[in-house]
PDB file of N, CA and C in Angstrom:
ATOM      1  N   MET A   1     110.449 115.184 106.850  1.00  0.00           N
ATOM      2  CA  MET A   1     109.903 116.433 107.142  1.00  0.00           C
ATOM      3  C   MET A   1     108.654 116.175 107.844  1.00  0.00           C
ATOM      4  N   GLU A   2     108.571 116.857 108.945  1.00  0.00           N
ATOM      5  CA  GLU A   2     107.227 116.645 109.772  1.00  0.00           C
ATOM      6  C   GLU A   2     106.530 117.985 109.947  1.00  0.00           C
ATOM      7  N   PRO A   3     105.420 118.465 109.131  1.00  0.00           N
ATOM      8  CA  PRO A   3     104.907 119.525 108.972  1.00  0.00           C
ATOM      9  C   PRO A   3     104.317 120.274 110.453  1.00  0.00           C
ATOM     10  N   SER A   4     103.849 119.353 111.313  1.00  0.00           N
ATOM     11  CA  SER A   4     103.304 119.889 112.479  1.00  0.00           C
ATOM     12  C   SER A   4     104.420 120.176 113.344  1.00  0.00           C
ATOM     13  N   LEU A   5     105.646 119.703 113.375  1.00  0.00           N
ATOM     14  CA  LEU A   5     106.755 120.129 114.139  1.00  0.00           C
ATOM     15  C   LEU A   5     107.215 121.445 113.605  1.00  0.00           C
ATOM     16  N   ILE A   6     107.186 121.751 112.361  1.00  0.00           N
ATOM     17  CA  ILE A   6     107.575 122.734 111.764  1.00  0.00           C
ATOM     18  C   ILE A   6     106.817 124.065 112.055  1.00  0.00           C
ATOM     19  N   LEU A   7     105.523 123.627 111.901  1.00  0.00           N
ATOM     20  CA  LEU A   7     104.116 124.773 112.259  1.00  0.00           C
ATOM     21  C   LEU A   7     104.405 125.137 113.866  1.00  0.00           C
ATOM     22  N   LYS A   8     104.692 124.179 114.584  1.00  0.00           N
ATOM     23  CA  LYS A   8     104.870 124.421 116.136  1.00  0.00           C
ATOM     24  C   LYS A   8     106.037 125.486 116.332  1.00  0.00           C
ATOM     25  N   ALA A   9     107.206 125.201 115.689  1.00  0.00           N
ATOM     26  CA  ALA A   9     108.566 125.950 115.874  1.00  0.00           C
ATOM     27  C   ALA A   9     108.431 127.295 115.233  1.00  0.00           C
ATOM     28  N   LEU A  10     107.463 127.561 114.185  1.00  0.00           N
ATOM     29  CA  LEU A  10     107.257 128.795 113.361  1.00  0.00           C
ATOM     30  C   LEU A  10     106.128 129.724 114.164  1.00  0.00           C
ATOM     31  N   SER A  11     105.580 129.051 115.162  1.00  0.00           N
ATOM     32  CA  SER A  11     104.514 129.741 115.924  1.00  0.00           C
ATOM     33  C   SER A  11     104.856 131.053 116.814  1.00  0.00           C
ATOM     34  N   ASN A  12     106.226 130.830 116.814  1.00  0.00           N
ATOM     35  CA  ASN A  12     106.809 131.821 117.967  1.00  0.00           C
ATOM     36  C   ASN A  12     107.670 132.898 116.987  1.00  0.00           C
ATOM     37  N   GLU A  13     107.389 134.094 117.342  1.00  0.00           N
ATOM     38  CA  GLU A  13     107.991 135.295 116.685  1.00  0.00           C
ATOM     39  C   GLU A  13     109.651 135.220 116.759  1.00  0.00           C
ATOM     40  N   THR A  14     109.993 134.923 117.920  1.00  0.00           N
ATOM     41  CA  THR A  14     111.576 135.069 118.178  1.00  0.00           C
ATOM     42  C   THR A  14     112.091 133.994 117.234  1.00  0.00           C
ATOM     43  N   ARG A  15     111.414 132.680 117.194  1.00  0.00           N
ATOM     44  CA  ARG A  15     112.040 131.615 116.357  1.00  0.00           C
ATOM     45  C   ARG A  15     112.024 132.011 115.095  1.00  0.00           C
ATOM     46  N   ARG A  16     110.882 132.657 114.490  1.00  0.00           N
ATOM     47  CA  ARG A  16     110.944 133.121 113.052  1.00  0.00           C
ATOM     48  C   ARG A  16     112.066 134.122 112.885  1.00  0.00           C
ATOM     49  N   GLN A  17     112.248 134.947 113.860  1.00  0.00           N
ATOM     50  CA  GLN A  17     113.180 135.924 113.680  1.00  0.00           C
ATOM     51  C   GLN A  17     114.617 135.302 113.508  1.00  0.00           C
ATOM     52  N   ILE A  18     114.930 134.372 114.338  1.00  0.00           N
ATOM     53  CA  ILE A  18     116.244 133.601 114.176  1.00  0.00           C
ATOM     54  C   ILE A  18     116.303 132.900 112.936  1.00  0.00           C
ATOM     55  N   LEU A  19     115.287 132.443 112.212  1.00  0.00           N
ATOM     56  CA  LEU A  19     115.408 132.037 111.019  1.00  0.00           C
ATOM     57  C   LEU A  19     115.670 132.987 109.983  1.00  0.00           C
ATOM     58  N   THR A  20     115.342 134.209 110.075  1.00  0.00           N
ATOM     59  CA  THR A  20     115.518 135.388 109.251  1.00  0.00           C
ATOM     60  C   THR A  20     116.940 135.723 109.306  1.00  0.00           C
ATOM     61  N   TRP A  21     117.427 135.790 110.735  1.00  0.00           N
ATOM     62  CA  TRP A  21     118.646 136.252 110.951  1.00  0.00           C
ATOM     63  C   TRP A  21     119.587 135.267 110.289  1.00  0.00           C
ATOM     64  N   LEU A  22     119.490 134.001 110.230  1.00  0.00           N
ATOM     65  CA  LEU A  22     120.529 133.036 109.785  1.00  0.00           C
ATOM     66  C   LEU A  22     120.154 132.872 108.294  1.00  0.00           C
ATOM     67  N   LYS A  23     119.170 133.494 107.700  1.00  0.00           N
ATOM     68  CA  LYS A  23     119.131 133.550 106.188  1.00  0.00           C
ATOM     69  C   LYS A  23     120.449 134.227 105.700  1.00  0.00           C
ATOM     70  N   HIS A  24     120.779 135.244 106.200  1.00  0.00           N
ATOM     71  CA  HIS A  24     122.144 136.034 105.922  1.00  0.00           C
ATOM     72  C   HIS A  24     122.773 136.600 107.107  1.00  0.00           C
ATOM     73  N   PRO A  25     123.434 135.492 107.903  1.00  0.00           N
ATOM     74  CA  PRO A  25     124.245 135.753 109.133  1.00  0.00           C
ATOM     75  C   PRO A  25     125.016 136.915 108.914  1.00  0.00           C
ATOM     76  N   GLU A  26     125.860 137.007 107.736  1.00  0.00           N
ATOM     77  CA  GLU A  26     126.817 138.224 107.624  1.00  0.00           C
ATOM     78  C   GLU A  26     126.122 139.547 107.726  1.00  0.00           C
ATOM     79  N   ARG A  27     124.935 139.525 107.631  1.00  0.00           N
ATOM     80  CA  ARG A  27     124.157 140.831 107.794  1.00  0.00           C
ATOM     81  C   ARG A  27     123.929 141.122 109.116  1.00  0.00           C
ATOM     82  N   HIS A  28     123.677 140.081 110.050  1.00  0.00           N
ATOM     83  CA  HIS A  28     123.349 140.252 111.410  1.00  0.00           C
ATOM     84  C   HIS A  28     124.170 140.003 112.438  1.00  0.00           C
ATOM     85  N   PHE A  29     125.214 139.320 112.238  1.00  0.00           N
ATOM     86  CA  PHE A  29     126.216 138.933 113.247  1.00  0.00           C
ATOM     87  C   PHE A  29     127.659 139.247 112.818  1.00  0.00           C
ATOM     88  N   ASP A  30     128.422 139.837 113.704  1.00  0.00           N
ATOM     89  CA  ASP A  30     130.003 140.377 113.605  1.00  0.00           C
ATOM     90  C   ASP A  30     130.709 138.994 113.415  1.00  0.00           C
ATOM     91  N   GLU A  31     131.422 138.970 112.229  1.00  0.00           N
ATOM     92  CA  GLU A  31     132.305 137.643 111.905  1.00  0.00           C
ATOM     93  C   GLU A  31     133.712 137.854 112.326  1.00  0.00           C
ATOM     94  N   THR A  32     133.964 139.206 112.928  1.00  0.00           N
ATOM     95  CA  THR A  32     135.530 139.465 113.278  1.00  0.00           C
ATOM     96  C   THR A  32     136.038 138.272 114.123  1.00  0.00           C
ATOM     97  N   PRO A  33     135.187 137.965 115.446  1.00  0.00           N
ATOM     98  CA  PRO A  33     135.763 136.976 116.345  1.00  0.00           C
ATOM     99  C   PRO A  33     136.115 135.797 115.629  1.00  0.00           C
ATOM    100  N   TYR A  34     135.357 135.312 114.880  1.00  0.00           N
ATOM    101  CA  TYR A  34     135.383 133.902 114.272  1.00  0.00           C
ATOM    102  C   TYR A  34     136.671 133.952 113.167  1.00  0.00           C
ATOM    103  N   LEU A  35     136.722 135.077 112.407  1.00  0.00           N
ATOM    104  CA  LEU A  35     137.693 134.954 111.325  1.00  0.00           C
ATOM    105  C   LEU A  35     139.168 135.287 112.040  1.00  0.00           C
ATOM    106  N   GLN A  36     139.197 135.741 113.095  1.00  0.00           N
ATOM    107  CA  GLN A  36     140.484 135.868 113.869  1.00  0.00           C
ATOM    108  C   GLN A  36     140.908 134.538 114.299  1.00  0.00           C
ATOM    109  N   HIS A  37     139.839 133.649 114.550  1.00  0.00           N
ATOM    110  CA  HIS A  37     140.176 132.157 114.863  1.00  0.00           C
ATOM    111  C   HIS A  37     140.122 131.249 113.692  1.00  0.00           C
ATOM    112  N   GLY A  38     140.231 131.540 112.540  1.00  0.00           N
ATOM    113  CA  GLY A  38     140.088 130.939 111.378  1.00  0.00           C
ATOM    114  C   GLY A  38     138.837 130.182 110.976  1.00  0.00           C
ATOM    115  N   VAL A  39     137.592 130.688 111.597  1.00  0.00           N
ATOM    116  CA  VAL A  39     136.457 130.015 111.429  1.00  0.00           C
ATOM    117  C   VAL A  39     135.436 130.687 110.614  1.00  0.00           C
ATOM    118  N   PRO A  40     135.132 130.431 109.371  1.00  0.00           N
ATOM    119  CA  PRO A  40     134.288 131.009 108.678  1.00  0.00           C
ATOM    120  C   PRO A  40     132.842 131.334 109.153  1.00  0.00           C
ATOM    121  N   GLN A  41     132.390 132.659 109.226  1.00  0.00           N
ATOM    122  CA  GLN A  41     130.920 132.815 109.752  1.00  0.00           C
ATOM    123  C   GLN A  41     129.813 132.112 108.675  1.00  0.00           C
ATOM    124  N   ARG A  42     130.329 131.825 107.410  1.00  0.00           N
ATOM    125  CA  ARG A  42     129.327 131.267 106.622  1.00  0.00           C
ATOM    126  C   ARG A  42     128.957 129.996 107.126  1.00  0.00           C
ATOM    127  N   ILE A  43     129.408 129.303 108.017  1.00  0.00           N
ATOM    128  CA  ILE A  43     129.029 128.011 108.602  1.00  0.00           C
ATOM    129  C   ILE A  43     127.812 128.301 109.280  1.00  0.00           C
ATOM    130  N   GLY A  44     127.430 129.536 109.783  1.00  0.00           N
ATOM    131  CA  GLY A  44     126.299 129.999 110.482  1.00  0.00           C
ATOM    132  C   GLY A  44     126.353 130.926 111.559  1.00  0.00           C
ATOM    133  N   ALA A  45     125.724 130.921 112.588  1.00  0.00           N
ATOM    134  CA  ALA A  45     126.045 131.826 113.845  1.00  0.00           C
ATOM    135  C   ALA A  45     126.281 131.114 115.042  1.00  0.00           C
ATOM    136  N   CYS A  46     126.841 131.693 115.909  1.00  0.00           N
ATOM    137  CA  CYS A  46     127.178 131.010 117.337  1.00  0.00           C
ATOM    138  C   CYS A  46     126.025 131.302 118.121  1.00  0.00           C
ATOM    139  N   VAL A  47     125.858 130.299 119.108  1.00  0.00           N
ATOM    140  CA  VAL A  47     124.668 130.339 119.947  1.00  0.00           C
ATOM    141  C   VAL A  47     124.601 131.756 120.856  1.00  0.00           C
ATOM    142  N   SER A  48     125.976 132.120 121.331  1.00  0.00           N
ATOM    143  CA  SER A  48     126.057 133.063 122.070  1.00  0.00           C
ATOM    144  C   SER A  48     125.692 134.458 121.386  1.00  0.00           C
ATOM    145  N   ASP A  49     125.898 134.476 120.044  1.00  0.00           N
ATOM    146  CA  ASP A  49     125.591 135.717 119.219  1.00  0.00           C
ATOM    147  C   ASP A  49     123.959 135.841 118.891  1.00  0.00           C
ATOM    148  N   ILE A  50     123.437 134.658 118.805  1.00  0.00           N
ATOM    149  CA  ILE A  50     122.090 134.609 118.649  1.00  0.00           C
ATOM    150  C   ILE A  50     121.253 134.988 119.970  1.00  0.00           C
ATOM    151  N   GLN A  51     121.791 134.550 121.024  1.00  0.00           N
ATOM    152  CA  GLN A  51     121.424 134.932 122.443  1.00  0.00           C
ATOM    153  C   GLN A  51     121.277 136.448 122.612  1.00  0.00           C
ATOM    154  N   GLU A  52     122.476 136.882 122.405  1.00  0.00           N
ATOM    155  CA  GLU A  52     122.684 138.363 122.474  1.00  0.00           C
ATOM    156  C   GLU A  52     121.623 139.137 121.653  1.00  0.00           C
ATOM    157  N   LYS A  53     121.458 138.858 120.362  1.00  0.00           N
ATOM    158  CA  LYS A  53     120.625 139.564 119.344  1.00  0.00           C
ATOM    159  C   LYS A  53     119.328 139.259 120.006  1.00  0.00           C
ATOM    160  N   ALA A  54     118.922 138.252 120.346  1.00  0.00           N
ATOM    161  CA  ALA A  54     117.521 138.066 120.948  1.00  0.00           C
ATOM    162  C   ALA A  54     117.071 138.590 122.162  1.00  0.00           C
ATOM    163  N   GLY A  55     118.104 138.792 123.006  1.00  0.00           N
ATOM    164  CA  GLY A  55     118.114 139.375 124.081  1.00  0.00           C
ATOM    165  C   GLY A  55     117.230 138.422 125.329  1.00  0.00           C
ATOM    166  N   LEU A  56     117.414 137.305 125.023  1.00  0.00           N
ATOM    167  CA  LEU A  56     116.600 136.469 125.797  1.00  0.00           C
ATOM    168  C   LEU A  56     117.684 135.574 126.634  1.00  0.00           C
ATOM    169  N   ALA A  57     117.361 134.902 127.565  1.00  0.00           N
ATOM    170  CA  ALA A  57     118.290 134.089 128.541  1.00  0.00           C
ATOM    171  C   ALA A  57     118.734 132.918 127.575  1.00  0.00           C
ATOM    172  N   GLN A  58     120.072 132.427 127.966  1.00  0.00           N
ATOM    173  CA  GLN A  58     120.720 131.421 127.229  1.00  0.00           C
ATOM    174  C   GLN A  58     119.870 130.209 127.279  1.00  0.00           C
ATOM    175  N   SER A  59     119.366 129.886 128.267  1.00  0.00           N
ATOM    176  CA  SER A  59     118.346 128.734 128.318  1.00  0.00           C
ATOM    177  C   SER A  59     117.193 128.770 127.490  1.00  0.00           C
ATOM    178  N   VAL A  60     116.565 129.876 127.330  1.00  0.00           N
ATOM    179  CA  VAL A  60     115.374 130.021 126.386  1.00  0.00           C
ATOM    180  C   VAL A  60     115.888 129.792 124.905  1.00  0.00           C
ATOM    181  N   VAL A  61     116.972 130.580 124.483  1.00  0.00           N
ATOM    182  CA  VAL A  61     117.538 130.363 123.128  1.00  0.00           C
ATOM    183  C   VAL A  61     118.007 129.157 122.817  1.00  0.00           C
ATOM    184  N   SER A  62     118.586 128.367 123.780  1.00  0.00           N
ATOM    185  CA  SER A  62     118.829 127.153 123.496  1.00  0.00           C
ATOM    186  C   SER A  62     117.741 126.179 123.372  1.00  0.00           C
ATOM    187  N   SER A  63     116.830 126.542 124.074  1.00  0.00           N
ATOM    188  CA  SER A  63     115.382 125.480 123.837  1.00  0.00           C
ATOM    189  C   SER A  63     114.832 125.861 122.337  1.00  0.00           C
ATOM    190  N   TYR A  64     114.894 127.093 122.078  1.00  0.00           N
ATOM    191  CA  TYR A  64     114.427 127.472 120.758  1.00  0.00           C
ATOM    192  C   TYR A  64     115.195 126.922 119.588  1.00  0.00           C
ATOM    193  N   LEU A  65     116.416 127.047 119.796  1.00  0.00           N
ATOM    194  CA  LEU A  65     117.384 126.377 118.868  1.00  0.00           C
ATOM    195  C   LEU A  65     117.159 124.606 118.720  1.00  0.00           C
ATOM    196  N   LEU A  66     117.083 124.144 119.894  1.00  0.00           N
ATOM    197  CA  LEU A  66     116.809 122.824 119.892  1.00  0.00           C
ATOM    198  C   LEU A  66     115.440 122.309 119.259  1.00  0.00           C
ATOM    199  N   MET A  67     114.489 123.082 119.412  1.00  0.00           N
ATOM    200  CA  MET A  67     113.187 122.828 118.932  1.00  0.00           C
ATOM    201  C   MET A  67     113.244 122.869 117.238  1.00  0.00           C
ATOM    202  N   MET A  68     113.890 124.030 117.113  1.00  0.00           N
ATOM    203  CA  MET A  68     114.048 124.125 115.378  1.00  0.00           C
ATOM    204  C   MET A  68     114.840 123.285 114.813  1.00  0.00           C
ATOM    205  N   GLN A  69     115.858 122.685 115.626  1.00  0.00           N
ATOM    206  CA  GLN A  69     116.927 121.600 115.109  1.00  0.00           C
ATOM    207  C   GLN A  69     115.916 120.373 114.793  1.00  0.00           C
ATOM    208  N   ASN A  70     115.079 120.094 115.944  1.00  0.00           N
ATOM    209  CA  ASN A  70     114.252 118.788 115.980  1.00  0.00           C
ATOM    210  C   ASN A  70     113.286 118.794 114.950  1.00  0.00           C
ATOM    211  N   ALA A  71     112.809 120.038 114.521  1.00  0.00           N
ATOM    212  CA  ALA A  71     111.886 120.229 113.287  1.00  0.00           C
ATOM    213  C   ALA A  71     112.383 120.209 112.121  1.00  0.00           C
ATOM    214  N   GLY A  72     113.789 120.102 112.066  1.00  0.00           N
ATOM    215  CA  GLY A  72     114.554 120.146 110.710  1.00  0.00           C
ATOM    216  C   GLY A  72     114.919 121.226 110.207  1.00  0.00           C
ATOM    217  N   LEU A  73     114.463 122.439 110.911  1.00  0.00           N
ATOM    218  CA  LEU A  73     114.785 123.764 110.226  1.00  0.00           C
ATOM    219  C   LEU A  73     116.292 124.242 110.487  1.00  0.00           C
ATOM    220  N   LEU A  74     116.870 123.683 111.528  1.00  0.00           N
ATOM    221  CA  LEU A  74     118.308 124.177 111.627  1.00  0.00           C
ATOM    222  C   LEU A  74     119.287 122.973 111.616  1.00  0.00           C
ATOM    223  N   GLU A  75     120.317 123.164 111.414  1.00  0.00           N
ATOM    224  CA  GLU A  75     121.468 122.312 111.415  1.00  0.00           C
ATOM    225  C   GLU A  75     122.590 122.890 112.403  1.00  0.00           C
ATOM    226  N   MET A  76     123.177 122.107 113.151  1.00  0.00           N
ATOM    227  CA  MET A  76     124.399 122.366 114.184  1.00  0.00           C
ATOM    228  C   MET A  76     125.514 121.882 113.737  1.00  0.00           C
ATOM    229  N   GLU A  77     126.622 122.806 114.057  1.00  0.00           N
ATOM    230  CA  GLU A  77     128.023 122.380 113.847  1.00  0.00           C
ATOM    231  C   GLU A  77     128.894 122.791 114.929  1.00  0.00           C
ATOM    232  N   ARG A  78     129.730 121.968 115.509  1.00  0.00           N
ATOM    233  CA  ARG A  78     130.679 122.479 116.628  1.00  0.00           C
ATOM    234  C   ARG A  78     132.045 122.628 115.926  1.00  0.00           C
ATOM    235  N   VAL A  79     132.495 123.833 116.349  1.00  0.00           N
ATOM    236  CA  VAL A  79     133.706 124.319 115.725  1.00  0.00           C
ATOM    237  C   VAL A  79     134.621 124.653 117.196  1.00  0.00           C
ATOM    238  N   GLY A  80     135.594 123.974 117.444  1.00  0.00           N
ATOM    239  CA  GLY A  80     136.418 124.217 118.631  1.00  0.00           C
ATOM    240  C   GLY A  80     135.282 124.528 119.948  1.00  0.00           C
ATOM    241  N   LYS A  81     135.442 125.625 120.372  1.00  0.00           N
ATOM    242  CA  LYS A  81     134.523 126.000 121.666  1.00  0.00           C
ATOM    243  C   LYS A  81     133.175 126.416 121.370  1.00  0.00           C
ATOM    244  N   TRP A  82     132.860 126.760 120.011  1.00  0.00           N
ATOM    245  CA  TRP A  82     131.796 127.284 119.581  1.00  0.00           C
ATOM    246  C   TRP A  82     130.728 126.213 118.971  1.00  0.00           C
ATOM    247  N   THR A  83     129.346 126.484 119.138  1.00  0.00           N
ATOM    248  CA  THR A  83     128.282 125.928 118.411  1.00  0.00           C
ATOM    249  C   THR A  83     127.637 126.723 117.472  1.00  0.00           C
ATOM    250  N   PHE A  84     127.625 126.546 116.114  1.00  0.00           N
ATOM    251  CA  PHE A  84     126.987 127.188 115.178  1.00  0.00           C
ATOM    252  C   PHE A  84     125.881 126.536 114.759  1.00  0.00           C
ATOM    253  N   TYR A  85     124.806 127.386 114.417  1.00  0.00           N
ATOM    254  CA  TYR A  85     123.583 126.984 113.892  1.00  0.00           C
ATOM    255  C   TYR A  85     123.307 127.626 112.448  1.00  0.00           C
ATOM    256  N   ARG A  86     122.818 126.866 111.490  1.00  0.00           N
ATOM    257  CA  ARG A  86     122.601 127.060 110.408  1.00  0.00           C
ATOM    258  C   ARG A  86     121.193 126.729 109.576  1.00  0.00           C
ATOM    259  N   ARG A  87     120.572 127.487 108.874  1.00  0.00           N
ATOM    260  CA  ARG A  87     119.327 126.952 108.339  1.00  0.00           C
ATOM    261  C   ARG A  87     119.522 125.731 107.537  1.00  0.00           C
ATOM    262  N   ASN A  88     118.348 124.930 107.447  1.00  0.00           N
ATOM    263  CA  ASN A  88     118.370 123.632 106.567  1.00  0.00           C
ATOM    264  C   ASN A  88     117.594 123.924 105.459  1.00  0.00           C
ATOM    265  N   GLU A  89     118.207 124.468 104.546  1.00  0.00           N
ATOM    266  CA  GLU A  89     117.466 125.006 103.302  1.00  0.00           C
ATOM    267  C   GLU A  89     116.660 123.830 102.596  1.00  0.00           C
ATOM    268  N   LYS A  90     117.074 122.466 102.762  1.00  0.00           N
ATOM    269  CA  LYS A  90     116.329 121.463 102.178  1.00  0.00           C
ATOM    270  C   LYS A  90     114.966 121.244 102.790  1.00  0.00           C
ATOM    271  N   THR A  91     114.991 121.349 104.072  1.00  0.00           N
ATOM    272  CA  THR A  91     113.769 121.223 104.828  1.00  0.00           C
ATOM    273  C   THR A  91     112.876 122.531 104.702  1.00  0.00           C
ATOM    274  N   ILE A  92     113.508 123.482 104.582  1.00  0.00           N
ATOM    275  CA  ILE A  92     112.694 124.734 104.555  1.00  0.00           C
ATOM    276  C   ILE A  92     112.027 124.666 103.047  1.00  0.00           C
ATOM    277  N   GLN A  93     112.724 124.292 101.909  1.00  0.00           N
ATOM    278  CA  GLN A  93     112.082 124.400 100.724  1.00  0.00           C
ATOM    279  C   GLN A  93     111.201 123.202 100.729  1.00  0.00           C
ATOM    280  N   ALA A  94     111.452 122.183 101.184  1.00  0.00           N
ATOM    281  CA  ALA A  94     110.289 120.864 101.400  1.00  0.00           C
ATOM    282  C   ALA A  94     108.999 121.467 102.130  1.00  0.00           C
ATOM    283  N   PHE A  95     109.278 122.145 102.978  1.00  0.00           N
ATOM    284  CA  PHE A  95     108.055 122.660 103.864  1.00  0.00           C
ATOM    285  C   PHE A  95     107.323 123.923 102.863  1.00  0.00           C
ATOM    286  N   ALA A  96     108.002 124.800 102.289  1.00  0.00           N
ATOM    287  CA  ALA A  96     107.423 125.513 101.323  1.00  0.00           C
ATOM    288  C   ALA A  96     106.747 124.869 100.171  1.00  0.00           C
ATOM    289  N   ASP A  97     107.214 124.012  99.636  1.00  0.00           N
ATOM    290  CA  ASP A  97     106.606 123.158  98.432  1.00  0.00           C
ATOM    291  C   ASP A  97     105.202 122.256  99.201  1.00  0.00           C
ATOM    292  N   TYR A  98     105.512 121.899 100.445  1.00  0.00           N
ATOM    293  CA  TYR A  98     104.147 121.318 101.172  1.00  0.00           C
ATOM    294  C   TYR A  98     103.027 122.309 101.200  1.00  0.00           C
ATOM    295  N   ILE A  99     103.423 123.558 101.734  1.00  0.00           N
ATOM    296  CA  ILE A  99     102.458 124.660 101.639  1.00  0.00           C
ATOM    297  C   ILE A  99     101.835 124.877 100.529  1.00  0.00           C
ATOM    298  N   ARG A 100     102.621 125.088  99.350  1.00  0.00           N
ATOM    299  CA  ARG A 100     102.243 125.470  98.035  1.00  0.00           C
ATOM    300  C   ARG A 100     101.352 124.328  97.499  1.00  0.00           C
ATOM    301  N   ASN A 101     101.635 123.131  97.635  1.00  0.00           N
ATOM    302  CA  ASN A 101     100.991 122.001  97.037  1.00  0.00           C
ATOM    303  C   ASN A 101     100.001 121.224  97.768  1.00  0.00           C
ATOM    304  N   GLU A 102     100.004 121.285  99.190  1.00  0.00           N
ATOM    305  CA  GLU A 102      99.009 120.502  99.922  1.00  0.00           C
ATOM    306  C   GLU A 102      98.098 121.312 100.765  1.00  0.00           C
ATOM    307  N   LEU A 103      98.283 122.779 100.880  1.00  0.00           N
ATOM    308  CA  LEU A 103      97.484 123.407 101.609  1.00  0.00           C
ATOM    309  C   LEU A 103      96.592 124.544 100.756  1.00  0.00           C
TER     310      LEU A 103
END
């Protein structure tokens, strides 16, 4: 875990919002299209759904997701034609512990 990368990733409101959405993706994204193809949404949210909800260009959302993945906040999984992102709870907990114990 690199705290400076996480802090930089969290410095943007939209990136923080994405993490909030991914905490409970079933509340924020429609799982119907995935269930119809046998993909459980509990693995995360598809890039196109995140992009639509954020209301930003695909390239911007992709760069945000990559930044958060590089910081260790997100994990990525490809399923068929979809790319799903989910929170990396281990890193988020380690960062919370760092904040609590070190700062």
